[in-house]
Amino acid sequence: MNEYLLLKFAHILAFVYWLGCDLGTFLASRQVINRDNSPEARHVALKIMLACDMGPKLAMPLILPLGLHLAALGGWLALSNSMLGLIWALCLYWFAVVLVLYINEGKP
């Protein structure tokens, strides 16, 4: 498959995942603060909100390198392969840090 089309698909998918999960986080947050809900229901909404919030946190480090890589392939941005590699390495490190923080949340 064409590298450009694959990166374009991944970029769109990351953007949609970021936006959709951000909306889910917002909607769940409305239930967390709703005093008409029982404490148990608010607690469940909080868990949903925190889980949904991982979508945008994980999508953001992917949107940037995907977009820059697409711009380089399309000729709109002059980036060397070594610069693209550095960008990817930094963003994948960012992704890993977010994931490790989530996995270890609440642990000493």
PDB file of N, CA and C in Angstrom:
ATOM      1  N   MET A   1       0.846  -1.188   0.000  1.00  0.00           N
ATOM      2  CA  MET A   1       0.000   0.000   0.000  1.00  0.00           C
ATOM      3  C   MET A   1       0.885   1.244   0.000  1.00  0.00           C
ATOM      4  N   ASN A   2       0.411   2.275  -0.584  1.00  0.00           N
ATOM      5  CA  ASN A   2       1.128   3.533  -0.677  1.00  0.00           C
ATOM      6  C   ASN A   2       1.359   4.118   0.725  1.00  0.00           C
ATOM      7  N   GLU A   3       2.617   4.480   1.014  1.00  0.00           N
ATOM      8  CA  GLU A   3       2.969   5.024   2.335  1.00  0.00           C
ATOM      9  C   GLU A   3       2.177   6.281   2.655  1.00  0.00           C
ATOM     10  N   TYR A   4       1.994   7.134   1.661  1.00  0.00           N
ATOM     11  CA  TYR A   4       1.266   8.381   1.869  1.00  0.00           C
ATOM     12  C   TYR A   4      -0.176   8.110   2.293  1.00  0.00           C
ATOM     13  N   LEU A   5      -0.847   7.194   1.594  1.00  0.00           N
ATOM     14  CA  LEU A   5      -2.246   6.888   1.925  1.00  0.00           C
ATOM     15  C   LEU A   5      -2.366   6.250   3.301  1.00  0.00           C
ATOM     16  N   LEU A   6      -1.428   5.413   3.653  1.00  0.00           N
ATOM     17  CA  LEU A   6      -1.439   4.775   4.966  1.00  0.00           C
ATOM     18  C   LEU A   6      -1.250   5.812   6.084  1.00  0.00           C
ATOM     19  N   LEU A   7      -0.303   6.711   5.888  1.00  0.00           N
ATOM     20  CA  LEU A   7      -0.090   7.777   6.875  1.00  0.00           C
ATOM     21  C   LEU A   7      -1.294   8.716   6.951  1.00  0.00           C
ATOM     22  N   LYS A   8      -1.888   8.996   5.815  1.00  0.00           N
ATOM     23  CA  LYS A   8      -3.078   9.864   5.774  1.00  0.00           C
ATOM     24  C   LYS A   8      -4.228   9.217   6.549  1.00  0.00           C
ATOM     25  N   PHE A   9      -4.433   7.932   6.332  1.00  0.00           N
ATOM     26  CA  PHE A   9      -5.476   7.203   7.056  1.00  0.00           C
ATOM     27  C   PHE A   9      -5.209   7.232   8.558  1.00  0.00           C
ATOM     28  N   ALA A  10      -3.959   6.976   8.963  1.00  0.00           N
ATOM     29  CA  ALA A  10      -3.605   6.986  10.385  1.00  0.00           C
ATOM     30  C   ALA A  10      -3.776   8.376  10.991  1.00  0.00           C
ATOM     31  N   HIS A  11      -3.437   9.411  10.223  1.00  0.00           N
ATOM     32  CA  HIS A  11      -3.583  10.790  10.708  1.00  0.00           C
ATOM     33  C   HIS A  11      -5.057  11.134  10.935  1.00  0.00           C
ATOM     34  N   ILE A  12      -5.893  10.781   9.986  1.00  0.00           N
ATOM     35  CA  ILE A  12      -7.334  11.038  10.121  1.00  0.00           C
ATOM     36  C   ILE A  12      -7.909  10.233  11.282  1.00  0.00           C
ATOM     37  N   LEU A  13      -7.501   8.984  11.392  1.00  0.00           N
ATOM     38  CA  LEU A  13      -7.968   8.123  12.480  1.00  0.00           C
ATOM     39  C   LEU A  13      -7.564   8.692  13.846  1.00  0.00           C
ATOM     40  N   ALA A  14      -6.328   9.155  13.970  1.00  0.00           N
ATOM     41  CA  ALA A  14      -5.865   9.747  15.235  1.00  0.00           C
ATOM     42  C   ALA A  14      -6.658  11.008  15.557  1.00  0.00           C
ATOM     43  N   PHE A  15      -6.939  11.823  14.550  1.00  0.00           N
ATOM     44  CA  PHE A  15      -7.716  13.047  14.773  1.00  0.00           C
ATOM     45  C   PHE A  15      -9.141  12.725  15.218  1.00  0.00           C
ATOM     46  N   VAL A  16      -9.768  11.767  14.542  1.00  0.00           N
ATOM     47  CA  VAL A  16     -11.137  11.376  14.899  1.00  0.00           C
ATOM     48  C   VAL A  16     -11.173  10.780  16.306  1.00  0.00           C
ATOM     49  N   TYR A  17     -10.189   9.953  16.631  1.00  0.00           N
ATOM     50  CA  TYR A  17     -10.115   9.350  17.958  1.00  0.00           C
ATOM     51  C   TYR A  17      -9.929  10.434  19.015  1.00  0.00           C
ATOM     52  N   TRP A  18      -9.073  11.417  18.735  1.00  0.00           N
ATOM     53  CA  TRP A  18      -8.843  12.523  19.661  1.00  0.00           C
ATOM     54  C   TRP A  18     -10.136  13.305  19.884  1.00  0.00           C
ATOM     55  N   LEU A  19     -10.806  13.678  18.802  1.00  0.00           N
ATOM     56  CA  LEU A  19     -12.010  14.492  18.908  1.00  0.00           C
ATOM     57  C   LEU A  19     -13.162  13.722  19.548  1.00  0.00           C
ATOM     58  N   GLY A  20     -13.362  12.464  19.148  1.00  0.00           N
ATOM     59  CA  GLY A  20     -14.454  11.668  19.702  1.00  0.00           C
ATOM     60  C   GLY A  20     -14.284  11.398  21.183  1.00  0.00           C
ATOM     61  N   CYS A  21     -13.085  11.053  21.575  1.00  0.00           N
ATOM     62  CA  CYS A  21     -12.844  10.791  22.997  1.00  0.00           C
ATOM     63  C   CYS A  21     -12.923  12.060  23.824  1.00  0.00           C
ATOM     64  N   ASP A  22     -12.526  13.179  23.241  1.00  0.00           N
ATOM     65  CA  ASP A  22     -12.657  14.454  23.951  1.00  0.00           C
ATOM     66  C   ASP A  22     -14.132  14.763  24.203  1.00  0.00           C
ATOM     67  N   LEU A  23     -14.977  14.460  23.232  1.00  0.00           N
ATOM     68  CA  LEU A  23     -16.414  14.660  23.406  1.00  0.00           C
ATOM     69  C   LEU A  23     -16.958  13.726  24.484  1.00  0.00           C
ATOM     70  N   GLY A  24     -16.515  12.468  24.482  1.00  0.00           N
ATOM     71  CA  GLY A  24     -16.929  11.517  25.513  1.00  0.00           C
ATOM     72  C   GLY A  24     -16.499  11.965  26.899  1.00  0.00           C
ATOM     73  N   THR A  25     -15.309  12.525  27.002  1.00  0.00           N
ATOM     74  CA  THR A  25     -14.817  13.042  28.282  1.00  0.00           C
ATOM     75  C   THR A  25     -15.695  14.187  28.752  1.00  0.00           C
ATOM     76  N   PHE A  26     -16.036  15.083  27.847  1.00  0.00           N
ATOM     77  CA  PHE A  26     -16.882  16.218  28.207  1.00  0.00           C
ATOM     78  C   PHE A  26     -18.263  15.751  28.676  1.00  0.00           C
ATOM     79  N   LEU A  27     -18.857  14.829  27.929  1.00  0.00           N
ATOM     80  CA  LEU A  27     -20.201  14.365  28.297  1.00  0.00           C
ATOM     81  C   LEU A  27     -20.187  13.630  29.639  1.00  0.00           C
ATOM     82  N   ALA A  28     -19.175  12.823  29.876  1.00  0.00           N
ATOM     83  CA  ALA A  28     -19.072  12.120  31.159  1.00  0.00           C
ATOM     84  C   ALA A  28     -18.842  13.109  32.293  1.00  0.00           C
ATOM     85  N   SER A  29     -18.087  14.175  32.037  1.00  0.00           N
ATOM     86  CA  SER A  29     -17.829  15.165  33.090  1.00  0.00           C
ATOM     87  C   SER A  29     -19.114  15.857  33.526  1.00  0.00           C
ATOM     88  N   ARG A  30     -20.053  16.000  32.621  1.00  0.00           N
ATOM     89  CA  ARG A  30     -21.341  16.624  32.967  1.00  0.00           C
ATOM     90  C   ARG A  30     -22.096  15.749  33.973  1.00  0.00           C
ATOM     91  N   GLN A  31     -21.930  14.424  33.853  1.00  0.00           N
ATOM     92  CA  GLN A  31     -22.600  13.518  34.783  1.00  0.00           C
ATOM     93  C   GLN A  31     -21.875  13.456  36.122  1.00  0.00           C
ATOM     94  N   VAL A  32     -20.577  13.691  36.114  1.00  0.00           N
ATOM     95  CA  VAL A  32     -19.799  13.682  37.354  1.00  0.00           C
ATOM     96  C   VAL A  32     -20.240  14.823  38.263  1.00  0.00           C
ATOM     97  N   ILE A  33     -20.536  15.978  37.686  1.00  0.00           N
ATOM     98  CA  ILE A  33     -20.900  17.144  38.498  1.00  0.00           C
ATOM     99  C   ILE A  33     -22.406  17.271  38.736  1.00  0.00           C
ATOM    100  N   ASN A  34     -23.178  16.372  38.131  1.00  0.00           N
ATOM    101  CA  ASN A  34     -24.634  16.425  38.286  1.00  0.00           C
ATOM    102  C   ASN A  34     -25.024  15.903  39.672  1.00  0.00           C
ATOM    103  N   ARG A  35     -25.498  16.780  40.527  1.00  0.00           N
ATOM    104  CA  ARG A  35     -25.844  16.406  41.904  1.00  0.00           C
ATOM    105  C   ARG A  35     -27.117  15.555  41.981  1.00  0.00           C
ATOM    106  N   ASP A  36     -27.870  15.476  40.899  1.00  0.00           N
ATOM    107  CA  ASP A  36     -29.051  14.614  40.872  1.00  0.00           C
ATOM    108  C   ASP A  36     -28.666  13.136  40.792  1.00  0.00           C
ATOM    109  N   ASN A  37     -27.464  12.852  40.333  1.00  0.00           N
ATOM    110  CA  ASN A  37     -26.989  11.464  40.266  1.00  0.00           C
ATOM    111  C   ASN A  37     -26.507  11.007  41.635  1.00  0.00           C
ATOM    112  N   SER A  38     -26.652   9.716  41.888  1.00  0.00           N
ATOM    113  CA  SER A  38     -26.174   9.153  43.154  1.00  0.00           C
ATOM    114  C   SER A  38     -24.642   9.182  43.179  1.00  0.00           C
ATOM    115  N   PRO A  39     -24.052   9.117  44.372  1.00  0.00           N
ATOM    116  CA  PRO A  39     -22.580   9.080  44.438  1.00  0.00           C
ATOM    117  C   PRO A  39     -21.984   7.918  43.643  1.00  0.00           C
ATOM    118  N   GLU A  40     -22.659   6.771  43.639  1.00  0.00           N
ATOM    119  CA  GLU A  40     -22.154   5.622  42.886  1.00  0.00           C
ATOM    120  C   GLU A  40     -22.174   5.905  41.380  1.00  0.00           C
ATOM    121  N   ALA A  41     -23.258   6.507  40.904  1.00  0.00           N
ATOM    122  CA  ALA A  41     -23.368   6.836  39.485  1.00  0.00           C
ATOM    123  C   ALA A  41     -22.326   7.878  39.095  1.00  0.00           C
ATOM    124  N   ARG A  42     -22.085   8.827  39.963  1.00  0.00           N
ATOM    125  CA  ARG A  42     -21.078   9.848  39.694  1.00  0.00           C
ATOM    126  C   ARG A  42     -19.676   9.226  39.663  1.00  0.00           C
ATOM    127  N   HIS A  43     -19.456   8.235  40.527  1.00  0.00           N
ATOM    128  CA  HIS A  43     -18.170   7.555  40.553  1.00  0.00           C
ATOM    129  C   HIS A  43     -17.940   6.770  39.257  1.00  0.00           C
ATOM    130  N   VAL A  44     -18.983   6.109  38.780  1.00  0.00           N
ATOM    131  CA  VAL A  44     -18.884   5.371  37.511  1.00  0.00           C
ATOM    132  C   VAL A  44     -18.628   6.350  36.362  1.00  0.00           C
ATOM    133  N   ALA A  45     -19.327   7.476  36.366  1.00  0.00           N
ATOM    134  CA  ALA A  45     -19.118   8.487  35.323  1.00  0.00           C
ATOM    135  C   ALA A  45     -17.688   9.019  35.367  1.00  0.00           C
ATOM    136  N   LEU A  46     -17.137   9.160  36.570  1.00  0.00           N
ATOM    137  CA  LEU A  46     -15.756   9.617  36.713  1.00  0.00           C
ATOM    138  C   LEU A  46     -14.781   8.609  36.107  1.00  0.00           C
ATOM    139  N   LYS A  47     -15.026   7.320  36.358  1.00  0.00           N
ATOM    140  CA  LYS A  47     -14.164   6.281  35.773  1.00  0.00           C
ATOM    141  C   LYS A  47     -14.247   6.306  34.245  1.00  0.00           C
ATOM    142  N   ILE A  48     -15.452   6.482  33.726  1.00  0.00           N
ATOM    143  CA  ILE A  48     -15.638   6.567  32.273  1.00  0.00           C
ATOM    144  C   ILE A  48     -14.909   7.789  31.731  1.00  0.00           C
ATOM    145  N   MET A  49     -15.047   8.899  32.434  1.00  0.00           N
ATOM    146  CA  MET A  49     -14.406  10.136  31.996  1.00  0.00           C
ATOM    147  C   MET A  49     -12.887   9.978  31.946  1.00  0.00           C
ATOM    148  N   LEU A  50     -12.312   9.391  32.987  1.00  0.00           N
ATOM    149  CA  LEU A  50     -10.864   9.226  33.031  1.00  0.00           C
ATOM    150  C   LEU A  50     -10.373   8.265  31.948  1.00  0.00           C
ATOM    151  N   ALA A  51     -11.147   7.218  31.667  1.00  0.00           N
ATOM    152  CA  ALA A  51     -10.766   6.283  30.606  1.00  0.00           C
ATOM    153  C   ALA A  51     -10.875   6.948  29.227  1.00  0.00           C
ATOM    154  N   CYS A  52     -11.953   7.697  29.020  1.00  0.00           N
ATOM    155  CA  CYS A  52     -12.124   8.397  27.737  1.00  0.00           C
ATOM    156  C   CYS A  52     -11.047   9.452  27.528  1.00  0.00           C
ATOM    157  N   ASP A  53     -10.569  10.037  28.608  1.00  0.00           N
ATOM    158  CA  ASP A  53      -9.563  11.090  28.506  1.00  0.00           C
ATOM    159  C   ASP A  53      -8.228  10.561  27.993  1.00  0.00           C
ATOM    160  N   MET A  54      -8.022   9.258  28.046  1.00  0.00           N
ATOM    161  CA  MET A  54      -6.784   8.697  27.527  1.00  0.00           C
ATOM    162  C   MET A  54      -6.729   8.780  25.999  1.00  0.00           C
ATOM    163  N   GLY A  55      -7.872   8.787  25.351  1.00  0.00           N
ATOM    164  CA  GLY A  55      -7.899   8.896  23.887  1.00  0.00           C
ATOM    165  C   GLY A  55      -7.181  10.132  23.385  1.00  0.00           C
ATOM    166  N   PRO A  56      -7.596  11.318  23.839  1.00  0.00           N
ATOM    167  CA  PRO A  56      -6.904  12.530  23.391  1.00  0.00           C
ATOM    168  C   PRO A  56      -5.445  12.570  23.837  1.00  0.00           C
ATOM    169  N   LYS A  57      -5.178  12.068  25.034  1.00  0.00           N
ATOM    170  CA  LYS A  57      -3.796  12.091  25.536  1.00  0.00           C
ATOM    171  C   LYS A  57      -2.875  11.199  24.712  1.00  0.00           C
ATOM    172  N   LEU A  58      -3.400  10.111  24.171  1.00  0.00           N
ATOM    173  CA  LEU A  58      -2.587   9.211  23.353  1.00  0.00           C
ATOM    174  C   LEU A  58      -2.605   9.599  21.870  1.00  0.00           C
ATOM    175  N   ALA A  59      -3.673  10.258  21.432  1.00  0.00           N
ATOM    176  CA  ALA A  59      -3.765  10.637  20.022  1.00  0.00           C
ATOM    177  C   ALA A  59      -2.890  11.842  19.691  1.00  0.00           C
ATOM    178  N   MET A  60      -2.765  12.777  20.627  1.00  0.00           N
ATOM    179  CA  MET A  60      -1.993  13.985  20.346  1.00  0.00           C
ATOM    180  C   MET A  60      -0.538  13.698  19.968  1.00  0.00           C
ATOM    181  N   PRO A  61       0.168  12.817  20.690  1.00  0.00           N
ATOM    182  CA  PRO A  61       1.551  12.562  20.282  1.00  0.00           C
ATOM    183  C   PRO A  61       1.672  11.869  18.928  1.00  0.00           C
ATOM    184  N   LEU A  62       0.582  11.340  18.405  1.00  0.00           N
ATOM    185  CA  LEU A  62       0.620  10.684  17.097  1.00  0.00           C
ATOM    186  C   LEU A  62       0.216  11.626  15.968  1.00  0.00           C
ATOM    187  N   ILE A  63      -0.674  12.564  16.254  1.00  0.00           N
ATOM    188  CA  ILE A  63      -1.149  13.493  15.224  1.00  0.00           C
ATOM    189  C   ILE A  63       0.011  14.334  14.685  1.00  0.00           C
ATOM    190  N   LEU A  64       0.862  14.813  15.583  1.00  0.00           N
ATOM    191  CA  LEU A  64       1.967  15.682  15.166  1.00  0.00           C
ATOM    192  C   LEU A  64       2.943  14.997  14.201  1.00  0.00           C
ATOM    193  N   PRO A  65       3.526  13.854  14.552  1.00  0.00           N
ATOM    194  CA  PRO A  65       4.482  13.268  13.602  1.00  0.00           C
ATOM    195  C   PRO A  65       3.818  12.759  12.321  1.00  0.00           C
ATOM    196  N   LEU A  66       2.584  12.301  12.432  1.00  0.00           N
ATOM    197  CA  LEU A  66       1.877  11.858  11.227  1.00  0.00           C
ATOM    198  C   LEU A  66       1.679  13.032  10.270  1.00  0.00           C
ATOM    199  N   GLY A  67       1.250  14.163  10.790  1.00  0.00           N
ATOM    200  CA  GLY A  67       1.037  15.346   9.955  1.00  0.00           C
ATOM    201  C   GLY A  67       2.331  15.865   9.353  1.00  0.00           C
ATOM    202  N   LEU A  68       3.403  15.909  10.148  1.00  0.00           N
ATOM    203  CA  LEU A  68       4.685  16.379   9.628  1.00  0.00           C
ATOM    204  C   LEU A  68       5.242  15.425   8.579  1.00  0.00           C
ATOM    205  N   HIS A  69       5.063  14.136   8.811  1.00  0.00           N
ATOM    206  CA  HIS A  69       5.530  13.137   7.835  1.00  0.00           C
ATOM    207  C   HIS A  69       4.745  13.274   6.521  1.00  0.00           C
ATOM    208  N   LEU A  70       3.434  13.486   6.625  1.00  0.00           N
ATOM    209  CA  LEU A  70       2.622  13.691   5.425  1.00  0.00           C
ATOM    210  C   LEU A  70       3.065  14.939   4.670  1.00  0.00           C
ATOM    211  N   ALA A  71       3.337  16.015   5.410  1.00  0.00           N
ATOM    212  CA  ALA A  71       3.776  17.258   4.770  1.00  0.00           C
ATOM    213  C   ALA A  71       5.118  17.066   4.076  1.00  0.00           C
ATOM    214  N   ALA A  72       5.997  16.297   4.680  1.00  0.00           N
ATOM    215  CA  ALA A  72       7.297  16.030   4.059  1.00  0.00           C
ATOM    216  C   ALA A  72       7.138  15.180   2.804  1.00  0.00           C
ATOM    217  N   LEU A  73       6.296  14.157   2.872  1.00  0.00           N
ATOM    218  CA  LEU A  73       6.072  13.310   1.695  1.00  0.00           C
ATOM    219  C   LEU A  73       5.402  14.079   0.559  1.00  0.00           C
ATOM    220  N   GLY A  74       4.513  14.995   0.924  1.00  0.00           N
ATOM    221  CA  GLY A  74       3.809  15.781  -0.092  1.00  0.00           C
ATOM    222  C   GLY A  74       4.637  16.913  -0.666  1.00  0.00           C
ATOM    223  N   GLY A  75       5.798  17.167  -0.076  1.00  0.00           N
ATOM    224  CA  GLY A  75       6.651  18.233  -0.579  1.00  0.00           C
ATOM    225  C   GLY A  75       6.308  19.610  -0.035  1.00  0.00           C
ATOM    226  N   TRP A  76       5.448  19.686   0.948  1.00  0.00           N
ATOM    227  CA  TRP A  76       5.047  20.972   1.520  1.00  0.00           C
ATOM    228  C   TRP A  76       5.975  21.433   2.632  1.00  0.00           C
ATOM    229  N   LEU A  77       6.792  20.519   3.136  1.00  0.00           N
ATOM    230  CA  LEU A  77       7.705  20.826   4.228  1.00  0.00           C
ATOM    231  C   LEU A  77       9.009  20.076   3.976  1.00  0.00           C
ATOM    232  N   ALA A  78      10.103  20.815   3.980  1.00  0.00           N
ATOM    233  CA  ALA A  78      11.404  20.194   3.711  1.00  0.00           C
ATOM    234  C   ALA A  78      11.996  19.646   5.010  1.00  0.00           C
ATOM    235  N   LEU A  79      11.852  18.347   5.210  1.00  0.00           N
ATOM    236  CA  LEU A  79      12.425  17.679   6.382  1.00  0.00           C
ATOM    237  C   LEU A  79      13.263  16.500   5.910  1.00  0.00           C
ATOM    238  N   SER A  80      14.460  16.389   6.466  1.00  0.00           N
ATOM    239  CA  SER A  80      15.309  15.255   6.121  1.00  0.00           C
ATOM    240  C   SER A  80      14.782  14.003   6.820  1.00  0.00           C
ATOM    241  N   ASN A  81      15.244  12.858   6.363  1.00  0.00           N
ATOM    242  CA  ASN A  81      14.843  11.602   6.994  1.00  0.00           C
ATOM    243  C   ASN A  81      15.307  11.534   8.439  1.00  0.00           C
ATOM    244  N   SER A  82      16.489  12.086   8.707  1.00  0.00           N
ATOM    245  CA  SER A  82      16.980  12.073  10.092  1.00  0.00           C
ATOM    246  C   SER A  82      16.117  12.965  10.980  1.00  0.00           C
ATOM    247  N   MET A  83      15.658  14.094  10.445  1.00  0.00           N
ATOM    248  CA  MET A  83      14.780  14.977  11.219  1.00  0.00           C
ATOM    249  C   MET A  83      13.429  14.295  11.463  1.00  0.00           C
ATOM    250  N   LEU A  84      12.895  13.628  10.453  1.00  0.00           N
ATOM    251  CA  LEU A  84      11.639  12.881  10.632  1.00  0.00           C
ATOM    252  C   LEU A  84      11.815  11.783  11.674  1.00  0.00           C
ATOM    253  N   GLY A  85      12.954  11.102  11.633  1.00  0.00           N
ATOM    254  CA  GLY A  85      13.228  10.062  12.627  1.00  0.00           C
ATOM    255  C   GLY A  85      13.285  10.627  14.032  1.00  0.00           C
ATOM    256  N   LEU A  86      13.901  11.793  14.176  1.00  0.00           N
ATOM    257  CA  LEU A  86      13.975  12.448  15.481  1.00  0.00           C
ATOM    258  C   LEU A  86      12.584  12.855  15.970  1.00  0.00           C
ATOM    259  N   ILE A  87      11.791  13.408  15.072  1.00  0.00           N
ATOM    260  CA  ILE A  87      10.421  13.801  15.426  1.00  0.00           C
ATOM    261  C   ILE A  87       9.624  12.577  15.872  1.00  0.00           C
ATOM    262  N   TRP A  88       9.721  11.495  15.109  1.00  0.00           N
ATOM    263  CA  TRP A  88       9.006  10.268  15.470  1.00  0.00           C
ATOM    264  C   TRP A  88       9.488   9.729  16.812  1.00  0.00           C
ATOM    265  N   ALA A  89      10.785   9.751  17.041  1.00  0.00           N
ATOM    266  CA  ALA A  89      11.330   9.235  18.303  1.00  0.00           C
ATOM    267  C   ALA A  89      10.826  10.053  19.487  1.00  0.00           C
ATOM    268  N   LEU A  90      10.840  11.367  19.360  1.00  0.00           N
ATOM    269  CA  LEU A  90      10.366  12.226  20.448  1.00  0.00           C
ATOM    270  C   LEU A  90       8.872  12.032  20.720  1.00  0.00           C
ATOM    271  N   CYS A  91       8.101  11.926  19.644  1.00  0.00           N
ATOM    272  CA  CYS A  91       6.655  11.774  19.823  1.00  0.00           C
ATOM    273  C   CYS A  91       6.290  10.388  20.354  1.00  0.00           C
ATOM    274  N   LEU A  92       7.028   9.366  19.948  1.00  0.00           N
ATOM    275  CA  LEU A  92       6.772   8.032  20.496  1.00  0.00           C
ATOM    276  C   LEU A  92       7.200   7.967  21.958  1.00  0.00           C
ATOM    277  N   TYR A  93       8.233   8.718  22.328  1.00  0.00           N
ATOM    278  CA  TYR A  93       8.623   8.826  23.738  1.00  0.00           C
ATOM    279  C   TYR A  93       7.505   9.504  24.528  1.00  0.00           C
ATOM    280  N   TRP A  94       6.952  10.586  23.979  1.00  0.00           N
ATOM    281  CA  TRP A  94       5.829  11.301  24.590  1.00  0.00           C
ATOM    282  C   TRP A  94       4.655  10.331  24.787  1.00  0.00           C
ATOM    283  N   PHE A  95       4.338   9.557  23.752  1.00  0.00           N
ATOM    284  CA  PHE A  95       3.261   8.570  23.810  1.00  0.00           C
ATOM    285  C   PHE A  95       3.526   7.563  24.928  1.00  0.00           C
ATOM    286  N   ALA A  96       4.755   7.067  24.999  1.00  0.00           N
ATOM    287  CA  ALA A  96       5.110   6.066  26.011  1.00  0.00           C
ATOM    288  C   ALA A  96       5.005   6.643  27.421  1.00  0.00           C
ATOM    289  N   VAL A  97       5.440   7.873  27.604  1.00  0.00           N
ATOM    290  CA  VAL A  97       5.353   8.508  28.928  1.00  0.00           C
ATOM    291  C   VAL A  97       3.904   8.631  29.364  1.00  0.00           C
ATOM    292  N   VAL A  98       3.034   9.063  28.477  1.00  0.00           N
ATOM    293  CA  VAL A  98       1.604   9.183  28.803  1.00  0.00           C
ATOM    294  C   VAL A  98       1.030   7.825  29.171  1.00  0.00           C
ATOM    295  N   LEU A  99       1.386   6.804  28.420  1.00  0.00           N
ATOM    296  CA  LEU A  99       0.885   5.456  28.676  1.00  0.00           C
ATOM    297  C   LEU A  99       1.397   4.912  30.012  1.00  0.00           C
ATOM    298  N   VAL A 100       2.663   5.116  30.296  1.00  0.00           N
ATOM    299  CA  VAL A 100       3.243   4.638  31.572  1.00  0.00           C
ATOM    300  C   VAL A 100       2.586   5.358  32.752  1.00  0.00           C
ATOM    301  N   LEU A 101       2.374   6.650  32.617  1.00  0.00           N
ATOM    302  CA  LEU A 101       1.711   7.402  33.690  1.00  0.00           C
ATOM    303  C   LEU A 101       0.295   6.878  33.935  1.00  0.00           C
ATOM    304  N   TYR A 102      -0.417   6.549  32.863  1.00  0.00           N
ATOM    305  CA  TYR A 102      -1.769   6.026  33.004  1.00  0.00           C
ATOM    306  C   TYR A 102      -1.759   4.649  33.676  1.00  0.00           C
ATOM    307  N   ILE A 103      -0.875   3.785  33.206  1.00  0.00           N
ATOM    308  CA  ILE A 103      -0.803   2.419  33.758  1.00  0.00           C
ATOM    309  C   ILE A 103      -0.426   2.444  35.238  1.00  0.00           C
ATOM    310  N   ASN A 104       0.426   3.367  35.627  1.00  0.00           N
ATOM    311  CA  ASN A 104       0.913   3.422  37.005  1.00  0.00           C
ATOM    312  C   ASN A 104       0.165   4.418  37.874  1.00  0.00           C
ATOM    313  N   GLU A 105      -0.960   4.906  37.402  1.00  0.00           N
ATOM    314  CA  GLU A 105      -1.741   5.875  38.170  1.00  0.00           C
ATOM    315  C   GLU A 105      -2.202   5.255  39.489  1.00  0.00           C
ATOM    316  N   GLY A 106      -1.966   5.963  40.578  1.00  0.00           N
ATOM    317  CA  GLY A 106      -2.388   5.494  41.885  1.00  0.00           C
ATOM    318  C   GLY A 106      -1.393   4.571  42.571  1.00  0.00           C
ATOM    319  N   LYS A 107      -0.311   4.244  41.874  1.00  0.00           N
ATOM    320  CA  LYS A 107       0.716   3.369  42.464  1.00  0.00           C
ATOM    321  C   LYS A 107       1.819   4.234  43.065  1.00  0.00           C
ATOM    322  N   PRO A 108       2.438   3.746  44.129  1.00  0.00           N
ATOM    323  CA  PRO A 108       3.541   4.541  44.718  1.00  0.00           C
ATOM    324  C   PRO A 108       4.758   4.564  43.815  1.00  0.00           C
TER     325      PRO A 108
END
